[in-house]
Each structure stands twice: as C-alpha cells, then as structure tokens.
C-alpha cells in the first residue's frame, strides 16, 4: 500500500525545492500549485473565474495571475471563492494521479495550504518546511519581483510555522539547503524502518 506524505510550508520556505529532492530519491511528487496552474487554463475553470471575478483579470482567455493574486490576497472572501473553484478540480486530478502510483512505497504531495483546507487529514505523514520569515520574504521578493509589503500580505494569509509544526510528524528547517537535504535523508530512513514494522 502506497503511503502518502503531505509536504507543506509557508510561502518562500523552499518546499518545492525539498519536494524535488524527494523526487531525486525516486519518490513521485505531486506539486499542487503547478497542477492548479495547468487546471486553471482549462475552459471550464476560465469560465467559472470570469463569472466570479469578471473579465478584467484576463487578457483574452489568458489569466493575468498577478491581477487575480492582488484581489484574493486582499480579500479573504475572494480567496475562499477562488479555492472553491480550484481545489475540487485539483483534488480530483490528484486522486486520479495517485491511482497510477500503486507500485511505489511513498508519494509526496506538496501544497502551501494543507492545513488551511483540512487536506492534511488525508495523509499518512505530514512534513513541514520552515525558514525564518525574513528569509522567506527575501526569497519571494527575488523570485516574484514583488514588494516586501505584497509578500507580507501572503505570509499573513497563511498559517504560522508554529501552528503548522504542532500538527506535523516531521520538520525540515530550510535555511541551509545542504542541511535540509540531510534531514530529508534522515526522514526517509525513519520511514523505511516504519514500513518494515508495519
């Protein structure tokens, strides 16, 4: 039976980098944000977004992600409506993908909002990736070319590291990537032992 690992962390914590390291160890990964972006290009989702948010967030049929982000990160109700459209579609896509992974011992599902939408309850183990808030802010400012204030709004919209840690089986501190990779290796050894015991 394939064990499912939920991997989460705040914006800029480097959780996708950690997910990719798991992948380099032969573990299939599902990165919810990347899959959501693909799904948001489907005609069905585009039509639903136009109904709720209007056509100003589109250039023709191309979603202007920054315009949508500006709306939803300033309005919790708008974020809820967006999640109500996208999350069910991603959930269905993930469930179909998971059925194809039945020959592997583990998969990793990476998502920023495992706890916020109660998705964490669907996994055998939860790993939280952490990093100091200022490090995370600096990373996102560099990555997305946005202001500190914009990043802070996104940080504030998510759970704190402390809250995530309290509900996680494993923690990976990701200030130093080499040390974070060593922690992944340790976790994989522990999981191997647990698998033999079960």
C-alpha atoms as a PDB file:
ATOM      1  CA  UNK A   1       0.000   0.000   0.000  1.00  0.00           C
ATOM      2  CA  UNK A   2       1.448   3.366  -1.035  1.00  0.00           C
ATOM      3  CA  UNK A   3       1.962   5.724   1.911  1.00  0.00           C
ATOM      4  CA  UNK A   4       1.124   9.367   1.287  1.00  0.00           C
ATOM      5  CA  UNK A   5       3.283  12.199   2.596  1.00  0.00           C
ATOM      6  CA  UNK A   6       1.876  15.717   2.749  1.00  0.00           C
ATOM      7  CA  UNK A   7       4.634  18.315   2.397  1.00  0.00           C
ATOM      8  CA  UNK A   8       3.810  21.878   3.346  1.00  0.00           C
ATOM      9  CA  UNK A   9       5.325  25.160   4.472  1.00  0.00           C
ATOM     10  CA  UNK A  10       4.807  28.882   4.211  1.00  0.00           C
ATOM     11  CA  UNK A  11       5.452  30.903   1.084  1.00  0.00           C
ATOM     12  CA  UNK A  12       9.201  31.113   0.424  1.00  0.00           C
ATOM     13  CA  UNK A  13      10.088  28.229   2.746  1.00  0.00           C
ATOM     14  CA  UNK A  14      11.551  26.277  -0.181  1.00  0.00           C
ATOM     15  CA  UNK A  15       9.084  23.392  -0.021  1.00  0.00           C
ATOM     16  CA  UNK A  16       9.169  22.818  -3.795  1.00  0.00           C
ATOM     17  CA  UNK A  17      12.973  22.536  -3.657  1.00  0.00           C
ATOM     18  CA  UNK A  18      12.563  19.939  -0.898  1.00  0.00           C
ATOM     19  CA  UNK A  19       9.869  18.125  -2.906  1.00  0.00           C
ATOM     20  CA  UNK A  20      12.233  17.990  -5.881  1.00  0.00           C
ATOM     21  CA  UNK A  21      14.937  16.500  -3.649  1.00  0.00           C
ATOM     22  CA  UNK A  22      12.498  13.753  -2.615  1.00  0.00           C
ATOM     23  CA  UNK A  23      11.863  13.223  -6.330  1.00  0.00           C
ATOM     24  CA  UNK A  24      15.626  12.876  -6.957  1.00  0.00           C
ATOM     25  CA  UNK A  25      15.469   9.947  -4.499  1.00  0.00           C
ATOM     26  CA  UNK A  26      12.952   8.195  -6.748  1.00  0.00           C
ATOM     27  CA  UNK A  27       9.790   9.279  -4.931  1.00  0.00           C
ATOM     28  CA  UNK A  28       6.934  10.514  -7.154  1.00  0.00           C
ATOM     29  CA  UNK A  29       5.866  14.061  -6.288  1.00  0.00           C
ATOM     30  CA  UNK A  30       2.663  15.958  -6.926  1.00  0.00           C
ATOM     31  CA  UNK A  31       3.088  19.726  -6.700  1.00  0.00           C
ATOM     32  CA  UNK A  32      -0.421  21.085  -6.179  1.00  0.00           C
ATOM     33  CA  UNK A  33       0.404  24.657  -7.217  1.00  0.00           C
ATOM     34  CA  UNK A  34       1.891  23.606 -10.573  1.00  0.00           C
ATOM     35  CA  UNK A  35      -1.040  21.296 -11.283  1.00  0.00           C
ATOM     36  CA  UNK A  36      -3.509  24.012 -10.224  1.00  0.00           C
ATOM     37  CA  UNK A  37      -1.927  26.417 -12.737  1.00  0.00           C
ATOM     38  CA  UNK A  38      -2.447  23.871 -15.510  1.00  0.00           C
ATOM     39  CA  UNK A  39      -6.022  23.192 -14.398  1.00  0.00           C
ATOM     40  CA  UNK A  40      -6.759  26.952 -14.289  1.00  0.00           C
ATOM     41  CA  UNK A  41      -6.081  27.047 -18.026  1.00  0.00           C
ATOM     42  CA  UNK A  42      -8.962  24.680 -18.715  1.00  0.00           C
ATOM     43  CA  UNK A  43     -12.020  26.228 -20.367  1.00  0.00           C
ATOM     44  CA  UNK A  44     -14.325  25.129 -17.568  1.00  0.00           C
ATOM     45  CA  UNK A  45     -12.256  26.892 -14.865  1.00  0.00           C
ATOM     46  CA  UNK A  46     -11.710  30.002 -17.023  1.00  0.00           C
ATOM     47  CA  UNK A  47     -15.484  30.398 -17.418  1.00  0.00           C
ATOM     48  CA  UNK A  48     -16.031  29.965 -13.665  1.00  0.00           C
ATOM     49  CA  UNK A  49     -13.339  32.567 -12.855  1.00  0.00           C
ATOM     50  CA  UNK A  50     -14.901  35.047 -15.297  1.00  0.00           C
ATOM     51  CA  UNK A  51     -18.307  34.649 -13.636  1.00  0.00           C
ATOM     52  CA  UNK A  52     -16.918  35.343 -10.158  1.00  0.00           C
ATOM     53  CA  UNK A  53     -14.045  37.783 -10.792  1.00  0.00           C
ATOM     54  CA  UNK A  54     -15.019  39.360 -14.118  1.00  0.00           C
ATOM     55  CA  UNK A  55     -13.018  39.618 -17.345  1.00  0.00           C
ATOM     56  CA  UNK A  56     -10.548  42.259 -16.077  1.00  0.00           C
ATOM     57  CA  UNK A  57      -8.256  39.501 -14.747  1.00  0.00           C
ATOM     58  CA  UNK A  58      -7.928  38.101 -18.273  1.00  0.00           C
ATOM     59  CA  UNK A  59      -6.161  39.181 -21.407  1.00  0.00           C
ATOM     60  CA  UNK A  60      -8.459  37.446 -23.881  1.00  0.00           C
ATOM     61  CA  UNK A  61      -8.543  33.954 -22.433  1.00  0.00           C
ATOM     62  CA  UNK A  62      -5.151  34.252 -20.692  1.00  0.00           C
ATOM     63  CA  UNK A  63      -5.363  34.638 -16.929  1.00  0.00           C
ATOM     64  CA  UNK A  64      -3.324  37.554 -15.550  1.00  0.00           C
ATOM     65  CA  UNK A  65      -2.179  35.783 -12.382  1.00  0.00           C
ATOM     66  CA  UNK A  66      -0.881  38.923 -10.662  1.00  0.00           C
ATOM     67  CA  UNK A  67      -4.271  40.666 -11.012  1.00  0.00           C
ATOM     68  CA  UNK A  68      -6.036  37.669  -9.504  1.00  0.00           C
ATOM     69  CA  UNK A  69      -3.438  37.471  -6.704  1.00  0.00           C
ATOM     70  CA  UNK A  70      -3.930  41.172  -5.905  1.00  0.00           C
ATOM     71  CA  UNK A  71      -7.656  40.551  -5.484  1.00  0.00           C
ATOM     72  CA  UNK A  72      -7.583  37.347  -3.434  1.00  0.00           C
ATOM     73  CA  UNK A  73      -4.715  38.275  -1.110  1.00  0.00           C
ATOM     74  CA  UNK A  74      -6.565  41.461  -0.127  1.00  0.00           C
ATOM     75  CA  UNK A  75      -9.952  39.832   0.348  1.00  0.00           C
ATOM     76  CA  UNK A  76     -10.359  36.602   2.375  1.00  0.00           C
ATOM     77  CA  UNK A  77     -13.847  36.071   0.926  1.00  0.00           C
ATOM     78  CA  UNK A  78     -12.487  36.270  -2.647  1.00  0.00           C
ATOM     79  CA  UNK A  79      -9.720  33.802  -1.731  1.00  0.00           C
ATOM     80  CA  UNK A  80     -12.378  31.432  -0.382  1.00  0.00           C
ATOM     81  CA  UNK A  81     -14.337  31.672  -3.646  1.00  0.00           C
ATOM     82  CA  UNK A  82     -11.201  31.030  -5.728  1.00  0.00           C
ATOM     83  CA  UNK A  83     -10.311  27.999  -3.612  1.00  0.00           C
ATOM     84  CA  UNK A  84     -13.875  26.729  -4.001  1.00  0.00           C
ATOM     85  CA  UNK A  85     -13.349  26.603  -7.770  1.00  0.00           C
ATOM     86  CA  UNK A  86      -9.782  25.332  -7.960  1.00  0.00           C
ATOM     87  CA  UNK A  87      -9.445  22.931  -5.015  1.00  0.00           C
ATOM     88  CA  UNK A  88     -12.107  20.381  -6.037  1.00  0.00           C
ATOM     89  CA  UNK A  89     -10.566  20.181  -9.545  1.00  0.00           C
ATOM     90  CA  UNK A  90      -7.041  19.697  -8.133  1.00  0.00           C
ATOM     91  CA  UNK A  91      -8.317  17.095  -5.635  1.00  0.00           C
ATOM     92  CA  UNK A  92      -9.882  15.039  -8.434  1.00  0.00           C
ATOM     93  CA  UNK A  93      -6.723  15.316 -10.575  1.00  0.00           C
ATOM     94  CA  UNK A  94      -4.550  14.225  -7.629  1.00  0.00           C
ATOM     95  CA  UNK A  95      -6.786  11.244  -6.827  1.00  0.00           C
ATOM     96  CA  UNK A  96      -6.523  10.062 -10.456  1.00  0.00           C
ATOM     97  CA  UNK A  97      -2.717  10.534 -10.347  1.00  0.00           C
ATOM     98  CA  UNK A  98      -2.457   8.640  -7.032  1.00  0.00           C
ATOM     99  CA  UNK A  99      -4.202   5.592  -8.528  1.00  0.00           C
ATOM    100  CA  UNK A 100      -1.329   5.354 -11.022  1.00  0.00           C
ATOM    101  CA  UNK A 101       1.297   5.258  -8.221  1.00  0.00           C
ATOM    102  CA  UNK A 102       0.221   1.962  -6.647  1.00  0.00           C
ATOM    103  CA  UNK A 103       3.604   0.245  -7.141  1.00  0.00           C
ATOM    104  CA  UNK A 104       5.674   2.755  -5.105  1.00  0.00           C
ATOM    105  CA  UNK A 105       6.141   2.773  -1.305  1.00  0.00           C
ATOM    106  CA  UNK A 106       5.647   6.570  -0.963  1.00  0.00           C
ATOM    107  CA  UNK A 107       4.439   9.635  -2.785  1.00  0.00           C
ATOM    108  CA  UNK A 108       4.894  13.269  -1.769  1.00  0.00           C
ATOM    109  CA  UNK A 109       2.064  15.785  -2.216  1.00  0.00           C
ATOM    110  CA  UNK A 110       3.334  19.359  -1.899  1.00  0.00           C
ATOM    111  CA  UNK A 111       0.911  22.164  -1.063  1.00  0.00           C
ATOM    112  CA  UNK A 112       1.134  25.506   0.765  1.00  0.00           C
ATOM    113  CA  UNK A 113      -2.322  25.098   2.294  1.00  0.00           C
ATOM    114  CA  UNK A 114      -2.545  21.532   3.549  1.00  0.00           C
ATOM    115  CA  UNK A 115      -3.777  22.689   6.942  1.00  0.00           C
ATOM    116  CA  UNK A 116      -5.917  25.627   5.904  1.00  0.00           C
ATOM    117  CA  UNK A 117      -8.255  23.412   3.873  1.00  0.00           C
ATOM    118  CA  UNK A 118      -8.077  20.366   6.211  1.00  0.00           C
ATOM    119  CA  UNK A 119      -6.324  18.377   3.475  1.00  0.00           C
ATOM    120  CA  UNK A 120      -3.691  17.196   5.955  1.00  0.00           C
ATOM    121  CA  UNK A 121      -6.155  14.630   7.298  1.00  0.00           C
ATOM    122  CA  UNK A 122      -5.819  12.631   4.063  1.00  0.00           C
ATOM    123  CA  UNK A 123      -2.106  11.819   4.501  1.00  0.00           C
ATOM    124  CA  UNK A 124      -0.174   9.192   6.430  1.00  0.00           C
ATOM    125  CA  UNK A 125       2.577  11.655   7.379  1.00  0.00           C
ATOM    126  CA  UNK A 126       2.939  15.433   7.327  1.00  0.00           C
ATOM    127  CA  UNK A 127       6.242  17.242   6.809  1.00  0.00           C
ATOM    128  CA  UNK A 128       6.504  20.993   7.370  1.00  0.00           C
ATOM    129  CA  UNK A 129       9.307  23.007   5.806  1.00  0.00           C
ATOM    130  CA  UNK A 130      10.297  26.080   7.806  1.00  0.00           C
ATOM    131  CA  UNK A 131      12.645  29.042   7.413  1.00  0.00           C
ATOM    132  CA  UNK A 132      12.930  32.421   9.162  1.00  0.00           C
ATOM    133  CA  UNK A 133      10.186  34.798   7.987  1.00  0.00           C
ATOM    134  CA  UNK A 134      12.627  37.412   6.653  1.00  0.00           C
ATOM    135  CA  UNK A 135      14.488  34.721   4.672  1.00  0.00           C
ATOM    136  CA  UNK A 136      11.176  33.631   3.168  1.00  0.00           C
ATOM    137  CA  UNK A 137      10.197  37.218   2.328  1.00  0.00           C
ATOM    138  CA  UNK A 138      13.579  37.865   0.659  1.00  0.00           C
ATOM    139  CA  UNK A 139      13.279  34.679  -1.404  1.00  0.00           C
ATOM    140  CA  UNK A 140       9.804  35.566  -2.677  1.00  0.00           C
ATOM    141  CA  UNK A 141      10.768  39.182  -3.434  1.00  0.00           C
ATOM    142  CA  UNK A 142      13.673  37.858  -5.534  1.00  0.00           C
ATOM    143  CA  UNK A 143      11.596  35.142  -7.172  1.00  0.00           C
ATOM    144  CA  UNK A 144       8.440  37.104  -7.997  1.00  0.00           C
ATOM    145  CA  UNK A 145       9.866  40.640  -8.215  1.00  0.00           C
ATOM    146  CA  UNK A 146       7.236  41.989  -5.807  1.00  0.00           C
ATOM    147  CA  UNK A 147       7.446  44.279  -2.792  1.00  0.00           C
ATOM    148  CA  UNK A 148       8.041  43.286   0.827  1.00  0.00           C
ATOM    149  CA  UNK A 149       4.525  44.506   1.651  1.00  0.00           C
ATOM    150  CA  UNK A 150       2.972  42.238  -1.000  1.00  0.00           C
ATOM    151  CA  UNK A 151       4.874  39.223   0.303  1.00  0.00           C
ATOM    152  CA  UNK A 152       3.990  40.043   3.916  1.00  0.00           C
ATOM    153  CA  UNK A 153       0.276  40.015   2.994  1.00  0.00           C
ATOM    154  CA  UNK A 154       0.679  36.492   1.616  1.00  0.00           C
ATOM    155  CA  UNK A 155       2.624  35.369   4.694  1.00  0.00           C
ATOM    156  CA  UNK A 156      -0.109  36.803   6.926  1.00  0.00           C
ATOM    157  CA  UNK A 157      -2.819  34.964   4.952  1.00  0.00           C
ATOM    158  CA  UNK A 158      -1.188  31.607   5.780  1.00  0.00           C
ATOM    159  CA  UNK A 159      -0.770  29.646   8.982  1.00  0.00           C
ATOM    160  CA  UNK A 160       2.301  30.425  11.108  1.00  0.00           C
ATOM    161  CA  UNK A 161       5.197  27.944  11.228  1.00  0.00           C
ATOM    162  CA  UNK A 162       4.418  27.316  14.904  1.00  0.00           C
ATOM    163  CA  UNK A 163       0.852  26.307  14.091  1.00  0.00           C
ATOM    164  CA  UNK A 164       1.994  24.011  11.253  1.00  0.00           C
ATOM    165  CA  UNK A 165       4.719  22.417  13.388  1.00  0.00           C
ATOM    166  CA  UNK A 166       2.187  21.490  16.081  1.00  0.00           C
ATOM    167  CA  UNK A 167       0.339  19.273  13.564  1.00  0.00           C
ATOM    168  CA  UNK A 168       3.357  17.812  11.700  1.00  0.00           C
ATOM    169  CA  UNK A 169       5.180  14.489  12.010  1.00  0.00           C
ATOM    170  CA  UNK A 170       8.488  15.860  10.714  1.00  0.00           C
ATOM    171  CA  UNK A 171      10.053  19.326  10.425  1.00  0.00           C
ATOM    172  CA  UNK A 172      12.674  20.373   7.866  1.00  0.00           C
ATOM    173  CA  UNK A 173      14.415  23.652   8.671  1.00  0.00           C
ATOM    174  CA  UNK A 174      15.430  25.060   5.294  1.00  0.00           C
ATOM    175  CA  UNK A 175      17.793  27.977   5.886  1.00  0.00           C
ATOM    176  CA  UNK A 176      20.684  25.874   4.621  1.00  0.00           C
ATOM    177  CA  UNK A 177      19.821  23.583   1.703  1.00  0.00           C
ATOM    178  CA  UNK A 178      22.544  21.004   2.362  1.00  0.00           C
ATOM    179  CA  UNK A 179      21.395  20.579   5.962  1.00  0.00           C
ATOM    180  CA  UNK A 180      17.766  20.393   4.786  1.00  0.00           C
ATOM    181  CA  UNK A 181      18.721  17.579   2.363  1.00  0.00           C
ATOM    182  CA  UNK A 182      20.386  15.676   5.222  1.00  0.00           C
ATOM    183  CA  UNK A 183      17.123  15.971   7.160  1.00  0.00           C
ATOM    184  CA  UNK A 184      15.219  14.534   4.168  1.00  0.00           C
ATOM    185  CA  UNK A 185      17.652  11.585   4.124  1.00  0.00           C
ATOM    186  CA  UNK A 186      17.029  11.039   7.863  1.00  0.00           C
ATOM    187  CA  UNK A 187      13.250  11.130   7.362  1.00  0.00           C
ATOM    188  CA  UNK A 188      13.484   8.573   4.535  1.00  0.00           C
ATOM    189  CA  UNK A 189      15.468   6.229   6.822  1.00  0.00           C
ATOM    190  CA  UNK A 190      12.810   6.583   9.546  1.00  0.00           C
ATOM    191  CA  UNK A 191      10.017   5.904   7.034  1.00  0.00           C
ATOM    192  CA  UNK A 192      11.833   2.800   5.784  1.00  0.00           C
ATOM    193  CA  UNK A 193      12.011   1.479   9.351  1.00  0.00           C
ATOM    194  CA  UNK A 194       8.316   2.268   9.931  1.00  0.00           C
ATOM    195  CA  UNK A 195       7.440   0.478   6.681  1.00  0.00           C
ATOM    196  CA  UNK A 196       9.268  -2.680   7.797  1.00  0.00           C
ATOM    197  CA  UNK A 197       7.478  -2.581  11.157  1.00  0.00           C
ATOM    198  CA  UNK A 198       4.012  -2.241   9.629  1.00  0.00           C
END
